[in-house]
Amino acid sequence: MASIQIAKNNLVSIGDWIEVPKFQADGDVIDITLTTIRIQNWDKTISPIPFYALISESFKNWKGMFQAGRRRIKRSVFIDSSSIRFLDDELYDRLYRVEILRPYLESRKKEIE
């Protein structure tokens, strides 16, 4: 019955990236049978998960992210608070010499002054 619900609602299909925390599964769906779904984790291990678990437990399907063509990356960036200072002319000139920063600095020139 669970496989019918999942198929009817198009919750999971082959190639989807899904996460099922209870089964410590996080990877691509490689096979769907009548009773189980097989996920190849990022470390290349295979996790078989019964369909009823997808109905009774929470899982995350990242299909929407791929369809949108975007990806969310969550990382912590540590900044030494003593390194933050105002942009002076000397630093501006040094940064302006970095070719990739030049268009950004030119577009923000009025804000900087």
N, C-alpha and C. Protein backbone atom coordinates (compact mmCIF):
# COMPACT_ATOMS: atom_id res chain seq x y z
N MET A 1 0.82 -1.19 0.00
CA MET A 1 0.00 0.00 0.00
C MET A 1 0.87 1.26 0.00
N ALA A 2 1.97 1.23 0.75
CA ALA A 2 2.84 2.41 0.83
C ALA A 2 3.45 2.72 -0.53
N SER A 3 3.84 1.69 -1.28
CA SER A 3 4.45 1.92 -2.60
C SER A 3 3.45 2.56 -3.55
N ILE A 4 2.18 2.23 -3.42
CA ILE A 4 1.14 2.83 -4.27
C ILE A 4 0.99 4.31 -3.93
N GLN A 5 1.00 4.64 -2.64
CA GLN A 5 0.88 6.04 -2.22
C GLN A 5 2.06 6.87 -2.73
N ILE A 6 3.26 6.31 -2.63
CA ILE A 6 4.45 7.03 -3.07
C ILE A 6 4.44 7.21 -4.58
N ALA A 7 4.06 6.15 -5.31
CA ALA A 7 4.01 6.24 -6.77
C ALA A 7 2.93 7.22 -7.23
N LYS A 8 1.77 7.16 -6.60
CA LYS A 8 0.65 8.03 -6.99
C LYS A 8 0.98 9.50 -6.75
N ASN A 9 1.62 9.80 -5.65
CA ASN A 9 1.96 11.18 -5.30
C ASN A 9 3.30 11.64 -5.87
N ASN A 10 3.99 10.74 -6.58
CA ASN A 10 5.29 11.05 -7.19
C ASN A 10 6.27 11.64 -6.17
N LEU A 11 6.34 11.02 -5.00
CA LEU A 11 7.22 11.50 -3.94
C LEU A 11 8.69 11.19 -4.19
N VAL A 12 8.96 10.05 -4.82
CA VAL A 12 10.34 9.62 -5.04
C VAL A 12 10.43 8.97 -6.41
N SER A 13 11.51 9.25 -7.12
CA SER A 13 11.77 8.56 -8.39
C SER A 13 13.27 8.29 -8.49
N ILE A 14 13.63 7.40 -9.40
CA ILE A 14 15.04 7.04 -9.57
C ILE A 14 15.83 8.28 -9.96
N GLY A 15 16.97 8.46 -9.32
CA GLY A 15 17.83 9.61 -9.57
C GLY A 15 17.65 10.74 -8.57
N ASP A 16 16.58 10.69 -7.76
CA ASP A 16 16.37 11.72 -6.75
C ASP A 16 17.40 11.60 -5.63
N TRP A 17 17.79 12.73 -5.10
CA TRP A 17 18.65 12.74 -3.91
C TRP A 17 17.72 12.86 -2.72
N ILE A 18 17.72 11.85 -1.85
CA ILE A 18 16.88 11.90 -0.66
C ILE A 18 17.70 11.63 0.60
N GLU A 19 17.17 12.13 1.70
CA GLU A 19 17.75 11.88 3.03
C GLU A 19 16.69 11.22 3.89
N VAL A 20 17.06 10.12 4.54
CA VAL A 20 16.18 9.44 5.49
C VAL A 20 16.98 9.29 6.78
N PRO A 21 16.87 10.25 7.70
CA PRO A 21 17.71 10.26 8.90
C PRO A 21 17.60 9.00 9.75
N LYS A 22 16.40 8.44 9.88
CA LYS A 22 16.24 7.26 10.75
C LYS A 22 17.10 6.10 10.27
N PHE A 23 17.30 5.98 8.97
CA PHE A 23 18.09 4.88 8.40
C PHE A 23 19.50 5.33 8.04
N GLN A 24 19.86 6.54 8.41
CA GLN A 24 21.16 7.12 8.10
C GLN A 24 21.47 7.00 6.61
N ALA A 25 20.47 7.26 5.80
CA ALA A 25 20.61 7.19 4.35
C ALA A 25 20.60 8.60 3.79
N ASP A 26 21.56 8.89 2.93
CA ASP A 26 21.67 10.20 2.31
C ASP A 26 22.36 10.01 0.97
N GLY A 27 21.59 10.01 -0.11
CA GLY A 27 22.19 9.79 -1.42
C GLY A 27 21.14 9.69 -2.51
N ASP A 28 21.53 9.07 -3.62
CA ASP A 28 20.68 8.95 -4.80
C ASP A 28 19.86 7.67 -4.78
N VAL A 29 18.61 7.78 -5.23
CA VAL A 29 17.75 6.60 -5.38
C VAL A 29 18.22 5.86 -6.62
N ILE A 30 18.60 4.59 -6.45
CA ILE A 30 19.09 3.81 -7.59
C ILE A 30 18.14 2.71 -8.02
N ASP A 31 17.19 2.34 -7.14
CA ASP A 31 16.27 1.25 -7.49
C ASP A 31 14.99 1.39 -6.67
N ILE A 32 13.87 1.13 -7.32
CA ILE A 32 12.58 1.14 -6.64
C ILE A 32 11.87 -0.16 -6.99
N THR A 33 11.55 -0.94 -5.96
CA THR A 33 10.80 -2.18 -6.16
C THR A 33 9.43 -2.02 -5.51
N LEU A 34 8.68 -3.09 -5.48
CA LEU A 34 7.34 -3.03 -4.91
C LEU A 34 7.36 -2.77 -3.41
N THR A 35 8.41 -3.24 -2.72
CA THR A 35 8.44 -3.12 -1.26
C THR A 35 9.56 -2.24 -0.72
N THR A 36 10.61 -2.03 -1.49
CA THR A 36 11.76 -1.26 -0.97
C THR A 36 12.26 -0.24 -1.98
N ILE A 37 13.02 0.66 -1.46
CA ILE A 37 13.73 1.64 -2.27
C ILE A 37 15.20 1.55 -1.88
N ARG A 38 16.09 1.55 -2.86
CA ARG A 38 17.52 1.45 -2.56
C ARG A 38 18.18 2.78 -2.83
N ILE A 39 18.96 3.21 -1.82
CA ILE A 39 19.65 4.50 -1.90
C ILE A 39 21.15 4.25 -1.88
N GLN A 40 21.85 4.83 -2.85
CA GLN A 40 23.31 4.76 -2.83
C GLN A 40 23.81 6.01 -2.13
N ASN A 41 24.39 5.80 -0.95
CA ASN A 41 24.89 6.91 -0.14
C ASN A 41 26.14 7.50 -0.78
N TRP A 42 26.56 8.66 -0.28
CA TRP A 42 27.71 9.35 -0.87
C TRP A 42 29.01 8.58 -0.68
N ASP A 43 29.05 7.68 0.31
CA ASP A 43 30.25 6.86 0.49
C ASP A 43 30.15 5.55 -0.31
N LYS A 44 29.19 5.47 -1.24
CA LYS A 44 28.97 4.35 -2.16
C LYS A 44 28.36 3.12 -1.50
N THR A 45 27.93 3.22 -0.25
CA THR A 45 27.20 2.11 0.37
C THR A 45 25.75 2.17 -0.08
N ILE A 46 25.07 1.03 0.00
CA ILE A 46 23.67 0.94 -0.43
C ILE A 46 22.80 0.75 0.81
N SER A 47 21.74 1.55 0.90
CA SER A 47 20.79 1.44 2.01
C SER A 47 19.42 1.05 1.46
N PRO A 48 18.98 -0.18 1.74
CA PRO A 48 17.61 -0.54 1.36
C PRO A 48 16.64 -0.02 2.42
N ILE A 49 15.58 0.64 1.98
CA ILE A 49 14.62 1.22 2.91
C ILE A 49 13.23 0.74 2.51
N PRO A 50 12.48 0.20 3.46
CA PRO A 50 11.11 -0.22 3.13
C PRO A 50 10.22 0.99 2.86
N PHE A 51 9.31 0.82 1.92
CA PHE A 51 8.42 1.92 1.55
C PHE A 51 7.61 2.45 2.72
N TYR A 52 7.20 1.56 3.61
CA TYR A 52 6.37 2.02 4.73
C TYR A 52 7.12 3.04 5.59
N ALA A 53 8.46 2.95 5.61
CA ALA A 53 9.26 3.90 6.39
C ALA A 53 9.17 5.31 5.80
N LEU A 54 9.05 5.40 4.48
CA LEU A 54 8.93 6.71 3.86
C LEU A 54 7.57 7.35 4.13
N ILE A 55 6.58 6.52 4.40
CA ILE A 55 5.25 7.03 4.73
C ILE A 55 5.17 7.38 6.22
N SER A 56 5.74 6.54 7.06
CA SER A 56 5.59 6.73 8.51
C SER A 56 6.67 7.64 9.12
N GLU A 57 7.82 7.76 8.49
CA GLU A 57 8.92 8.59 9.00
C GLU A 57 9.14 9.78 8.08
N SER A 58 9.85 10.76 8.58
CA SER A 58 10.13 11.93 7.73
C SER A 58 11.34 11.64 6.84
N PHE A 59 11.31 12.21 5.65
CA PHE A 59 12.45 12.14 4.76
C PHE A 59 12.49 13.42 3.94
N LYS A 60 13.64 13.70 3.38
CA LYS A 60 13.82 14.93 2.61
C LYS A 60 14.19 14.55 1.18
N ASN A 61 13.43 15.06 0.22
CA ASN A 61 13.73 14.85 -1.19
C ASN A 61 14.23 16.17 -1.76
N TRP A 62 15.43 16.15 -2.31
CA TRP A 62 16.07 17.36 -2.82
C TRP A 62 15.77 17.59 -4.31
N LYS A 63 14.77 16.91 -4.85
CA LYS A 63 14.43 17.03 -6.27
C LYS A 63 14.16 18.48 -6.67
N GLY A 64 13.45 19.21 -5.82
CA GLY A 64 13.10 20.60 -6.13
C GLY A 64 14.32 21.49 -6.30
N MET A 65 15.35 21.23 -5.53
CA MET A 65 16.57 22.02 -5.64
C MET A 65 17.21 21.82 -7.01
N PHE A 66 17.24 20.57 -7.49
CA PHE A 66 17.83 20.29 -8.79
C PHE A 66 16.97 20.85 -9.91
N GLN A 67 15.65 20.78 -9.77
CA GLN A 67 14.77 21.31 -10.80
C GLN A 67 14.89 22.83 -10.89
N ALA A 68 15.14 23.47 -9.76
CA ALA A 68 15.28 24.93 -9.74
C ALA A 68 16.65 25.37 -10.26
N GLY A 69 17.60 24.44 -10.32
CA GLY A 69 18.94 24.77 -10.78
C GLY A 69 19.76 25.52 -9.76
N ARG A 70 19.40 25.39 -8.50
CA ARG A 70 20.12 26.08 -7.43
C ARG A 70 20.54 25.08 -6.37
N ARG A 71 21.46 25.52 -5.55
CA ARG A 71 21.88 24.69 -4.43
C ARG A 71 22.19 25.58 -3.24
N ARG A 72 21.74 25.14 -2.10
CA ARG A 72 22.00 25.88 -0.87
C ARG A 72 23.22 25.27 -0.19
N ILE A 73 24.14 26.13 0.16
CA ILE A 73 25.35 25.67 0.85
C ILE A 73 25.40 26.38 2.19
N LYS A 74 25.42 25.60 3.24
CA LYS A 74 25.49 26.17 4.59
C LYS A 74 26.88 25.91 5.16
N ARG A 75 27.60 26.96 5.37
CA ARG A 75 28.94 26.86 5.95
C ARG A 75 29.12 27.99 6.95
N SER A 76 29.89 27.74 7.97
CA SER A 76 30.25 28.78 8.92
C SER A 76 31.50 29.49 8.42
N VAL A 77 31.47 30.79 8.51
CA VAL A 77 32.63 31.59 8.14
C VAL A 77 33.07 32.34 9.39
N PHE A 78 34.26 32.06 9.85
CA PHE A 78 34.78 32.69 11.05
C PHE A 78 35.61 33.91 10.65
N ILE A 79 35.27 35.05 11.23
CA ILE A 79 35.97 36.30 10.94
C ILE A 79 36.57 36.83 12.23
N ASP A 80 37.84 37.12 12.17
CA ASP A 80 38.52 37.72 13.31
C ASP A 80 38.06 39.17 13.41
N SER A 81 37.36 39.51 14.48
CA SER A 81 36.79 40.85 14.62
C SER A 81 37.85 41.94 14.65
N SER A 82 39.07 41.60 15.02
CA SER A 82 40.13 42.61 15.03
C SER A 82 40.64 42.91 13.62
N SER A 83 40.27 42.10 12.64
CA SER A 83 40.73 42.33 11.27
C SER A 83 39.80 43.24 10.48
N ILE A 84 38.65 43.59 11.03
CA ILE A 84 37.68 44.44 10.33
C ILE A 84 38.08 45.90 10.52
N ARG A 85 38.15 46.63 9.39
CA ARG A 85 38.51 48.04 9.44
C ARG A 85 37.89 48.76 8.24
N PHE A 86 37.94 50.07 8.26
CA PHE A 86 37.43 50.86 7.15
C PHE A 86 38.37 50.74 5.95
N LEU A 87 37.79 50.87 4.78
CA LEU A 87 38.57 50.78 3.54
C LEU A 87 39.25 52.12 3.28
N ASP A 88 40.58 52.12 3.35
CA ASP A 88 41.32 53.34 3.05
C ASP A 88 41.80 53.30 1.59
N ASP A 89 42.41 54.38 1.13
CA ASP A 89 42.84 54.48 -0.27
C ASP A 89 43.88 53.43 -0.63
N GLU A 90 44.78 53.16 0.29
CA GLU A 90 45.83 52.17 0.03
C GLU A 90 45.23 50.77 -0.19
N LEU A 91 44.32 50.37 0.69
CA LEU A 91 43.68 49.06 0.55
C LEU A 91 42.81 49.01 -0.71
N TYR A 92 42.11 50.12 -1.01
CA TYR A 92 41.28 50.17 -2.21
C TYR A 92 42.14 49.94 -3.45
N ASP A 93 43.30 50.60 -3.52
CA ASP A 93 44.19 50.44 -4.67
C ASP A 93 44.69 49.00 -4.79
N ARG A 94 45.02 48.40 -3.66
CA ARG A 94 45.47 46.99 -3.68
C ARG A 94 44.37 46.07 -4.18
N LEU A 95 43.14 46.27 -3.69
CA LEU A 95 42.02 45.43 -4.10
C LEU A 95 41.64 45.68 -5.56
N TYR A 96 41.79 46.93 -6.01
CA TYR A 96 41.43 47.28 -7.38
C TYR A 96 42.33 46.56 -8.39
N ARG A 97 43.54 46.23 -7.98
CA ARG A 97 44.46 45.50 -8.86
C ARG A 97 44.05 44.04 -9.06
N VAL A 98 43.18 43.53 -8.20
CA VAL A 98 42.67 42.16 -8.35
C VAL A 98 41.55 42.22 -9.39
N GLU A 99 41.80 41.62 -10.53
CA GLU A 99 40.90 41.77 -11.68
C GLU A 99 39.45 41.36 -11.40
N ILE A 100 39.26 40.32 -10.65
CA ILE A 100 37.89 39.84 -10.38
C ILE A 100 37.11 40.80 -9.48
N LEU A 101 37.81 41.58 -8.66
CA LEU A 101 37.15 42.53 -7.76
C LEU A 101 36.87 43.88 -8.42
N ARG A 102 37.56 44.18 -9.50
CA ARG A 102 37.47 45.50 -10.13
C ARG A 102 36.04 45.91 -10.51
N PRO A 103 35.25 45.06 -11.20
CA PRO A 103 33.88 45.48 -11.54
C PRO A 103 33.02 45.77 -10.30
N TYR A 104 33.21 44.98 -9.26
CA TYR A 104 32.44 45.21 -8.03
C TYR A 104 32.83 46.54 -7.39
N LEU A 105 34.13 46.80 -7.31
CA LEU A 105 34.59 48.05 -6.70
C LEU A 105 34.13 49.26 -7.50
N GLU A 106 34.14 49.14 -8.83
CA GLU A 106 33.68 50.26 -9.67
C GLU A 106 32.19 50.52 -9.45
N SER A 107 31.40 49.45 -9.30
CA SER A 107 29.96 49.63 -9.11
C SER A 107 29.63 50.20 -7.72
N ARG A 108 30.51 50.01 -6.75
CA ARG A 108 30.28 50.49 -5.39
C ARG A 108 31.10 51.73 -5.04
N LYS A 109 31.75 52.33 -6.01
CA LYS A 109 32.65 53.46 -5.76
C LYS A 109 31.96 54.59 -5.00
N LYS A 110 30.73 54.95 -5.39
CA LYS A 110 30.03 56.05 -4.72
C LYS A 110 29.72 55.72 -3.27
N GLU A 111 29.36 54.47 -3.00
CA GLU A 111 29.06 54.07 -1.62
C GLU A 111 30.32 54.10 -0.76
N ILE A 112 31.43 53.73 -1.36
CA ILE A 112 32.69 53.68 -0.62
C ILE A 112 33.16 55.09 -0.25
N GLU A 113 32.96 56.03 -1.16
CA GLU A 113 33.41 57.42 -0.90
C GLU A 113 32.42 58.07 0.00
